[in-house]
Protein backbone atom coordinates (compact mmCIF):
# COMPACT_ATOMS: atom_id res chain seq x y z
CA UNK A 1 35.00 39.28 -35.06
CA UNK A 2 33.43 39.03 -38.52
CA UNK A 3 29.86 37.97 -39.27
CA UNK A 4 30.94 34.49 -40.40
CA UNK A 5 32.67 33.78 -37.10
CA UNK A 6 29.71 35.09 -35.10
CA UNK A 7 27.36 32.88 -37.12
CA UNK A 8 29.53 29.83 -36.44
CA UNK A 9 29.52 30.55 -32.70
CA UNK A 10 25.72 30.89 -32.72
CA UNK A 11 25.34 27.59 -34.56
CA UNK A 12 27.65 25.86 -32.06
CA UNK A 13 25.74 27.36 -29.11
CA UNK A 14 22.35 26.35 -30.47
CA UNK A 15 23.59 22.85 -31.31
CA UNK A 16 25.02 22.47 -27.79
CA UNK A 17 21.70 23.54 -26.25
CA UNK A 18 19.72 21.11 -28.43
CA UNK A 19 22.06 18.26 -27.53
CA UNK A 20 21.84 19.12 -23.83
CA UNK A 21 18.05 19.17 -23.94
CA UNK A 22 18.03 15.94 -25.92
CA UNK A 23 20.35 14.21 -23.43
CA UNK A 24 18.26 15.41 -20.51
CA UNK A 25 15.09 14.16 -22.19
CA UNK A 26 16.73 10.79 -22.86
CA UNK A 27 17.18 10.36 -19.11
CA UNK A 28 13.51 11.04 -18.40
CA UNK A 29 11.23 8.07 -17.77
CA UNK A 30 7.82 8.27 -19.40
CA UNK A 31 4.54 6.38 -19.44
CA UNK A 32 2.14 6.84 -22.30
CA UNK A 33 -0.73 4.84 -23.67
CA UNK A 34 -3.98 4.43 -25.51
CA UNK A 35 -7.30 3.34 -24.01
CA UNK A 36 -9.92 1.59 -26.13
CA UNK A 37 -13.56 1.11 -25.20
CA UNK A 38 -13.99 4.53 -23.58
CA UNK A 39 -17.56 5.77 -24.01
CA UNK A 40 -17.36 8.86 -21.77
CA UNK A 41 -14.81 11.16 -20.16
CA UNK A 42 -12.57 9.24 -17.73
CA UNK A 43 -9.73 10.24 -15.41
CA UNK A 44 -6.45 8.35 -15.62
CA UNK A 45 -4.34 8.86 -12.49
CA UNK A 46 -0.66 8.03 -12.10
CA UNK A 47 0.67 7.15 -8.65
CA UNK A 48 4.22 6.45 -7.52
CA UNK A 49 4.41 3.48 -5.17
CA UNK A 50 7.30 3.60 -2.69
CA UNK A 51 7.81 1.08 0.10
CA UNK A 52 5.92 2.94 2.82
CA UNK A 53 3.68 5.28 0.86
CA UNK A 54 1.86 5.86 -2.41
CA UNK A 55 1.90 9.35 -3.93
CA UNK A 56 -0.45 10.76 -6.57
CA UNK A 57 1.65 12.34 -9.32
CA UNK A 58 -0.78 13.48 -12.01
CA UNK A 59 -4.27 13.01 -13.40
CA UNK A 60 -5.22 13.23 -17.07
CA UNK A 61 -8.71 13.20 -18.58
CA UNK A 62 -9.35 11.06 -21.63
CA UNK A 63 -12.47 10.79 -23.77
CA UNK A 64 -13.75 8.89 -26.82
CA UNK A 65 -12.27 11.66 -29.00
CA UNK A 66 -8.91 11.78 -27.24
CA UNK A 67 -8.18 8.43 -25.68
CA UNK A 68 -4.41 8.75 -25.24
CA UNK A 69 -2.38 9.81 -22.21
CA UNK A 70 1.24 10.71 -21.52
CA UNK A 71 3.02 11.11 -18.19
CA UNK A 72 6.60 12.27 -17.58
CA UNK A 73 7.89 10.80 -14.33
CA UNK A 74 11.35 12.36 -14.33
CA UNK A 75 14.80 10.85 -13.84
CA UNK A 76 14.71 7.62 -11.86
CA UNK A 77 17.71 6.44 -9.84
CA UNK A 78 16.43 2.90 -9.31
CA UNK A 79 13.60 0.60 -10.52
CA UNK A 80 10.34 2.20 -9.41
CA UNK A 81 6.74 1.01 -9.13
CA UNK A 82 3.91 3.08 -10.57
CA UNK A 83 0.16 2.53 -10.61
CA UNK A 84 -2.26 3.61 -13.32
CA UNK A 85 -5.82 3.97 -12.01
CA UNK A 86 -8.89 4.38 -14.20
CA UNK A 87 -11.67 6.39 -12.56
CA UNK A 88 -14.94 4.66 -11.75
CA UNK A 89 -13.75 1.21 -12.74
CA UNK A 90 -13.34 -0.96 -9.65
CA UNK A 91 -10.14 -3.01 -9.59
CA UNK A 92 -9.08 -1.56 -12.93
CA UNK A 93 -5.54 -0.46 -12.25
CA UNK A 94 -2.17 -1.71 -13.36
CA UNK A 95 1.20 -1.85 -11.64
CA UNK A 96 4.12 -0.81 -13.81
CA UNK A 97 7.79 -1.24 -12.92
CA UNK A 98 10.14 1.13 -14.71
CA UNK A 99 13.92 1.08 -14.86
CA UNK A 100 15.75 4.43 -15.15
CA UNK A 101 15.24 6.15 -18.54
CA UNK A 102 12.58 3.67 -19.71
CA UNK A 103 9.65 4.73 -21.86
CA UNK A 104 6.66 2.47 -21.25
CA UNK A 105 3.88 2.31 -23.82
CA UNK A 106 0.57 0.84 -22.63
CA UNK A 107 -2.43 -0.26 -24.65
CA UNK A 108 -5.58 -1.25 -22.77
CA UNK A 109 -9.21 -2.01 -23.51
CA UNK A 110 -11.43 -1.12 -20.53
CA UNK A 111 -13.72 -4.02 -21.45
CA UNK A 112 -10.84 -6.52 -21.28
CA UNK A 113 -8.60 -4.80 -18.78
CA UNK A 114 -6.36 -7.63 -17.59
CA UNK A 115 -5.07 -8.23 -21.12
CA UNK A 116 -3.37 -4.85 -21.45
CA UNK A 117 -0.05 -4.76 -23.30
CA UNK A 118 3.17 -3.01 -22.27
CA UNK A 119 6.20 -2.34 -24.43
CA UNK A 120 9.46 -0.61 -23.53
CA UNK A 121 9.45 -1.78 -19.90
CA UNK A 122 10.24 -5.48 -19.57
CA UNK A 123 9.92 -5.52 -15.77
CA UNK A 124 6.31 -4.37 -16.16
CA UNK A 125 5.57 -7.65 -17.94
CA UNK A 126 6.58 -9.41 -14.72
CA UNK A 127 4.27 -7.27 -12.58
CA UNK A 128 1.48 -8.02 -15.05
CA UNK A 129 2.10 -11.77 -14.75
CA UNK A 130 1.96 -11.48 -10.94
CA UNK A 131 -1.24 -9.44 -11.03
CA UNK A 132 -2.96 -11.83 -13.44
CA UNK A 133 -2.11 -14.90 -11.39
CA UNK A 134 -3.21 -13.30 -8.13
CA UNK A 135 -6.47 -12.10 -9.71
CA UNK A 136 -7.23 -15.67 -10.81
CA UNK A 137 -6.57 -16.96 -7.30
CA UNK A 138 -8.70 -14.30 -5.63
CA UNK A 139 -11.58 -14.99 -8.04
CA UNK A 140 -11.37 -18.69 -7.22
CA UNK A 141 -11.25 -17.99 -3.48
CA UNK A 142 -14.26 -15.70 -3.67
CA UNK A 143 -16.25 -18.44 -5.40
CA UNK A 144 -15.19 -20.98 -2.79
CA UNK A 145 -16.15 -18.59 0.03
CA UNK A 146 -19.65 -18.32 -1.38
CA UNK A 147 -19.94 -22.11 -1.68
CA UNK A 148 -18.68 -22.60 1.89
CA UNK A 149 -21.18 -20.05 3.17
CA UNK A 150 -24.07 -21.82 1.43
CA UNK A 151 -23.00 -25.37 2.28
CA UNK A 152 -25.14 -27.07 4.93
CA UNK A 153 -23.39 -30.42 5.34
CA UNK A 154 -20.26 -30.35 7.50
CA UNK A 155 -18.46 -32.79 5.17
CA UNK A 156 -19.10 -30.47 2.23
CA UNK A 157 -17.86 -27.46 4.18
CA UNK A 158 -14.70 -29.33 5.10
CA UNK A 159 -14.08 -30.39 1.50
CA UNK A 160 -14.53 -26.83 0.24
CA UNK A 161 -12.32 -25.44 3.02
CA UNK A 162 -9.54 -27.82 2.00
CA UNK A 163 -9.99 -26.72 -1.60
CA UNK A 164 -9.77 -23.09 -0.43
CA UNK A 165 -6.45 -23.70 1.34
CA UNK A 166 -5.16 -25.66 -1.66
CA UNK A 167 -5.84 -22.64 -3.89
CA UNK A 168 -3.77 -20.45 -1.57
CA UNK A 169 -1.02 -23.07 -1.51
CA UNK A 170 -0.98 -23.08 -5.31
CA UNK A 171 -0.55 -19.30 -5.29
CA UNK A 172 2.30 -19.64 -2.79
CA UNK A 173 4.06 -22.14 -5.05
CA UNK A 174 3.68 -19.89 -8.08
CA UNK A 175 4.99 -16.83 -6.22
CA UNK A 176 7.85 -18.78 -4.62
CA UNK A 177 9.00 -20.05 -8.01
CA UNK A 178 8.72 -16.51 -9.42
CA UNK A 179 11.00 -15.17 -6.69
CA UNK A 180 13.62 -17.91 -7.19
CA UNK A 181 13.48 -17.28 -10.94
CA UNK A 182 13.79 -13.49 -10.50
CA UNK A 183 15.80 -12.87 -7.31
CA UNK A 184 17.39 -9.68 -8.69
CA UNK A 185 14.14 -8.20 -9.99
CA UNK A 186 12.28 -5.52 -8.03
CA UNK A 187 9.11 -7.36 -9.10
CA UNK A 188 9.97 -10.00 -6.49
CA UNK A 189 9.21 -7.40 -3.81
CA UNK A 190 5.71 -7.16 -5.24
CA UNK A 191 5.41 -10.96 -5.12
CA UNK A 192 6.40 -11.01 -1.43
CA UNK A 193 3.76 -8.49 -0.35
CA UNK A 194 0.74 -9.67 -2.35
CA UNK A 195 -2.45 -10.52 -0.44
CA UNK A 196 -5.26 -12.98 -1.16
CA UNK A 197 -7.64 -11.02 1.07
CA UNK A 198 -7.63 -7.84 3.14
CA UNK A 199 -6.11 -9.61 6.12
CA UNK A 200 -4.10 -12.46 4.62
CA UNK A 201 -0.79 -12.28 2.80
CA UNK A 202 0.33 -14.96 0.37
CA UNK A 203 3.49 -15.29 2.47
CA UNK A 204 2.44 -15.38 6.13
CA UNK A 205 4.46 -18.25 7.60
CA UNK A 206 7.59 -18.32 9.73
CA UNK A 207 9.63 -20.04 7.03
CA UNK A 208 8.86 -17.27 4.54
CA UNK A 209 11.49 -15.06 6.14
CA UNK A 210 14.07 -16.89 3.98
CA UNK A 211 12.45 -15.53 0.82
CA UNK A 212 12.45 -12.04 2.31
CA UNK A 213 16.18 -12.37 2.99
CA UNK A 214 16.89 -13.51 -0.58
CA UNK A 215 15.14 -10.50 -2.10
CA UNK A 216 16.45 -8.04 0.50
CA UNK A 217 20.03 -9.20 -0.09
CA UNK A 218 19.81 -8.45 -3.80
CA UNK A 219 18.28 -5.05 -3.10
CA UNK A 220 20.97 -4.12 -0.60
CA UNK A 221 23.71 -5.25 -3.00
CA UNK A 222 22.41 -3.06 -5.85
CA UNK A 223 20.69 -0.19 -4.03
CA UNK A 224 21.90 -0.02 -0.39
CA UNK A 225 20.13 3.31 0.25
CA UNK A 226 16.82 2.23 -1.27
CA UNK A 227 13.66 2.67 0.81
CA UNK A 228 12.68 -0.83 -0.26
CA UNK A 229 15.92 -2.32 1.08
CA UNK A 230 15.58 -0.47 4.39
CA UNK A 231 11.90 -1.33 4.68
CA UNK A 232 12.46 -5.01 4.06
CA UNK A 233 15.26 -5.12 6.62
CA UNK A 234 12.87 -3.63 9.19
CA UNK A 235 10.29 -6.27 8.29
CA UNK A 236 12.82 -9.09 8.62
CA UNK A 237 13.97 -7.83 12.03
CA UNK A 238 10.35 -7.60 13.07
CA UNK A 239 9.48 -11.18 12.10
CA UNK A 240 10.26 -12.61 15.54
CA UNK A 241 8.11 -9.99 17.24
CA UNK A 242 5.21 -10.66 14.90
CA UNK A 243 5.49 -14.42 15.35
CA UNK A 244 5.60 -14.09 19.13
CA UNK A 245 2.34 -12.18 19.03
CA UNK A 246 0.65 -14.60 16.61
CA UNK A 247 -1.83 -15.84 19.19
CA UNK A 248 -2.85 -12.25 19.87
CA UNK A 249 -3.31 -11.65 16.14
CA UNK A 250 -5.68 -14.60 16.02
CA UNK A 251 -7.51 -13.19 19.02
CA UNK A 252 -8.15 -9.89 17.26
CA UNK A 253 -8.86 -11.47 13.89
CA UNK A 254 -11.60 -13.60 15.39
CA UNK A 255 -13.02 -10.58 17.26
CA UNK A 256 -12.88 -11.99 20.79
CA UNK A 257 -14.11 -9.95 23.71
CA UNK A 258 -10.75 -9.37 25.44
CA UNK A 259 -8.45 -6.92 23.66
CA UNK A 260 -4.65 -6.97 23.89
CA UNK A 261 -3.60 -4.13 26.17
CA UNK A 262 -1.63 -1.20 24.78
CA UNK A 263 0.43 0.88 27.22
CA UNK A 264 2.67 3.42 25.46
CA UNK A 265 4.04 6.90 26.15
CA UNK A 266 2.33 10.01 24.85
CA UNK A 267 4.29 13.10 23.64
CA UNK A 268 4.87 14.16 27.26
CA UNK A 269 6.33 10.76 28.14
CA UNK A 270 3.36 9.65 30.24
CA UNK A 271 2.20 6.07 29.69
CA UNK A 272 -1.45 5.88 28.61
CA UNK A 273 -3.30 2.56 28.56
CA UNK A 274 -5.96 1.73 26.00
CA UNK A 275 -8.00 0.16 28.81
CA UNK A 276 -8.12 3.53 30.60
CA UNK A 277 -10.81 4.52 28.07
CA UNK A 278 -12.98 1.49 28.80
CA UNK A 279 -16.67 2.43 28.99
CA UNK A 280 -16.41 4.83 26.06
CA UNK A 281 -16.69 4.14 22.34
CA UNK A 282 -13.06 4.11 21.20
CA UNK A 283 -11.51 4.44 17.78
CA UNK A 284 -8.14 2.66 17.98
CA UNK A 285 -6.38 4.26 15.02
CA UNK A 286 -2.94 3.44 13.58
CA UNK A 287 -1.16 6.18 11.65
CA UNK A 288 2.20 7.72 10.73
CA UNK A 289 3.31 11.24 9.90
CA UNK A 290 4.85 10.03 6.62
CA UNK A 291 1.51 8.71 5.31
CA UNK A 292 -0.36 11.26 3.20
CA UNK A 293 -3.53 9.20 3.52
CA UNK A 294 -3.28 9.36 7.30
CA UNK A 295 -2.81 13.13 7.29
CA UNK A 296 -5.95 13.52 5.16
CA UNK A 297 -7.83 11.08 7.39
CA UNK A 298 -6.88 13.10 10.49
CA UNK A 299 -8.78 16.08 9.07
CA UNK A 300 -11.94 13.98 8.87
CA UNK A 301 -11.36 12.56 12.35
CA UNK A 302 -11.12 16.08 13.78
CA UNK A 303 -14.66 16.85 12.61
CA UNK A 304 -15.91 13.51 13.92
CA UNK A 305 -14.20 13.97 17.28
CA UNK A 306 -15.60 17.46 17.84
CA UNK A 307 -19.06 16.25 16.90
CA UNK A 308 -19.24 13.18 19.15
CA UNK A 309 -16.70 13.70 21.97
CA UNK A 310 -19.42 14.96 24.29
CA UNK A 311 -21.38 11.75 23.75
CA UNK A 312 -18.64 9.44 25.00
CA UNK A 313 -16.43 9.06 21.92
CA UNK A 314 -12.63 8.89 22.24
CA UNK A 315 -9.72 8.29 19.89
CA UNK A 316 -6.61 6.36 20.93
CA UNK A 317 -4.08 6.87 18.15
CA UNK A 318 -0.92 4.77 17.80
CA UNK A 319 1.82 6.27 15.64
CA UNK A 320 4.16 3.97 13.73
CA UNK A 321 6.74 6.74 13.35
CA UNK A 322 10.30 5.83 14.29
CA UNK A 323 11.50 9.41 14.86
CA UNK A 324 10.11 11.67 17.58
CA UNK A 325 10.30 15.06 15.86
CA UNK A 326 8.17 14.30 12.74
CA UNK A 327 5.57 12.63 15.00
CA UNK A 328 5.34 15.65 17.33
CA UNK A 329 5.34 18.12 14.41
CA UNK A 330 2.44 16.30 12.73
CA UNK A 331 0.42 16.33 15.99
CA UNK A 332 1.07 20.03 16.54
CA UNK A 333 0.47 21.19 12.96
CA UNK A 334 -2.85 19.32 12.73
CA UNK A 335 -3.88 20.23 16.30
CA UNK A 336 -4.77 16.65 17.24
CA UNK A 337 -6.56 16.78 20.63
CA UNK A 338 -6.96 13.07 21.41
CA UNK A 339 -4.66 10.46 22.95
CA UNK A 340 -1.56 9.92 20.83
CA UNK A 341 1.10 7.34 21.72
CA UNK A 342 4.08 5.75 19.98
CA UNK A 343 6.81 3.16 20.48
CA UNK A 344 9.26 5.04 18.23
CA UNK A 345 11.00 1.73 17.60
CA UNK A 346 13.24 1.67 14.47
CA UNK A 347 12.93 -2.13 14.40
CA UNK A 348 9.16 -1.96 13.94
CA UNK A 349 6.05 -1.76 16.06
CA UNK A 350 5.18 -4.65 18.37
CA UNK A 351 1.66 -3.26 18.84
CA UNK A 352 1.10 -3.17 15.09
CA UNK A 353 2.02 -6.85 14.99
CA UNK A 354 -0.32 -7.61 17.88
CA UNK A 355 -3.23 -6.02 16.04
CA UNK A 356 -2.27 -7.46 12.64
CA UNK A 357 -1.74 -4.04 11.07
CA UNK A 358 -0.24 -4.61 7.63
CA UNK A 359 -1.02 -1.27 5.98
CA UNK A 360 -2.03 2.30 6.76
CA UNK A 361 -4.53 3.69 7.47
CA UNK A 362 -5.90 1.02 9.83
CA UNK A 363 -8.32 1.14 12.73
CA UNK A 364 -10.59 -0.75 15.13
CA UNK A 365 -13.85 0.64 16.49
CA UNK A 366 -14.37 -0.57 20.07
CA UNK A 367 -17.73 -0.44 21.84
CA UNK A 368 -18.50 0.45 25.47
CA UNK A 369 -18.05 -3.21 26.52
CA UNK A 370 -14.46 -3.08 25.23
CA UNK A 371 -15.30 -5.39 22.32
CA UNK A 372 -14.34 -4.82 18.69
CA UNK A 373 -17.39 -3.63 16.75
CA UNK A 374 -15.73 -2.95 13.38
CA UNK A 375 -12.35 -3.03 11.67
CA UNK A 376 -10.85 -0.70 9.03
CA UNK A 377 -13.95 1.46 8.73
CA UNK A 378 -13.71 5.03 7.40
CA UNK A 379 -15.73 8.05 6.32
CA UNK A 380 -19.50 7.77 6.27
CA UNK A 381 -19.44 4.11 7.29
CA UNK A 382 -17.43 5.01 10.39
CA UNK A 383 -19.85 7.75 11.41
CA UNK A 384 -22.87 5.53 10.78
CA UNK A 385 -21.43 2.75 12.97
CA UNK A 386 -20.36 5.26 15.61
CA UNK A 387 -23.92 6.61 15.89
CA UNK A 388 -25.18 3.07 16.46
CA UNK A 389 -22.75 2.51 19.34
CA UNK A 390 -23.12 5.84 21.17
């Protein structure tokens, strides 16, 4: 083979490699952006938001001198939610929704955060519209809460309470119209699961199951193996169970003195009742082996348990796992010494519905009188409250 032929082969090989790399890169989804108004070094963190968990992907530091960021999120097989969090700035995060191979470009001013711009990812404009509208509603509700708290006349309290419910109803109407306008958009899943407060969803009524079915049907048609489709089907099947336990949810929400009983099997198959720990200070903790946040929380609970067990502290942990092996493996690998029980029900947890558990981690701190003393309390706040009760 002469030099000319060899040279041609090398050129063809190099060209093929460049094209292959270029094609691969074209399939990669990316998020990049510029942040204005930064006056010190700040961390920008990218998280991937799946149906049952949120995973931290990468953190980048920006500064006044270098205020740009760029994340490669890989090849996506379906529309995927991501969150961008800005360190030290409460409530300053955005939800982006990327289709496969999209390249989103974000521009944001930290002093006017809600008015960020996104190009290259049209579905992210829908998530922005949802976030803006919900933020307006929550701000209005917070103001009304303060007015209700300060009102002295019963007529004034009633008027403000009606105004409060009307604001929530207005949000429901907006979100309902959004879903009917965008039934095939993954953004409609976000609309379904938005909350106006820590313990109240926008859609929390029996009739809302119809909207869930509309969105789930479109998901199943396009992405039958999607975690979102499977998760929504579980939620729909669980609606009847949740509704049947509504009175018990109200009982817990209003912190009454009598707690709903829990009687579930532990890893050995023995049924353990929550009431069997009456007289001790109990942390009723809900967790799952697939939740990274729960696994990290268990490490902190181990230290707390060893420190206060001798003073009358116990943990009753309810797993929301649906498969036995991952649940047992997580208990064994972490060396969890306290009571652990689970329903292992693929249709969803009845107990979670009874205690109005809508996200993980979740817990209730129960005093020696078997009354709820605190809800969803973690870290230093948990230890401080625990010391008060022991």
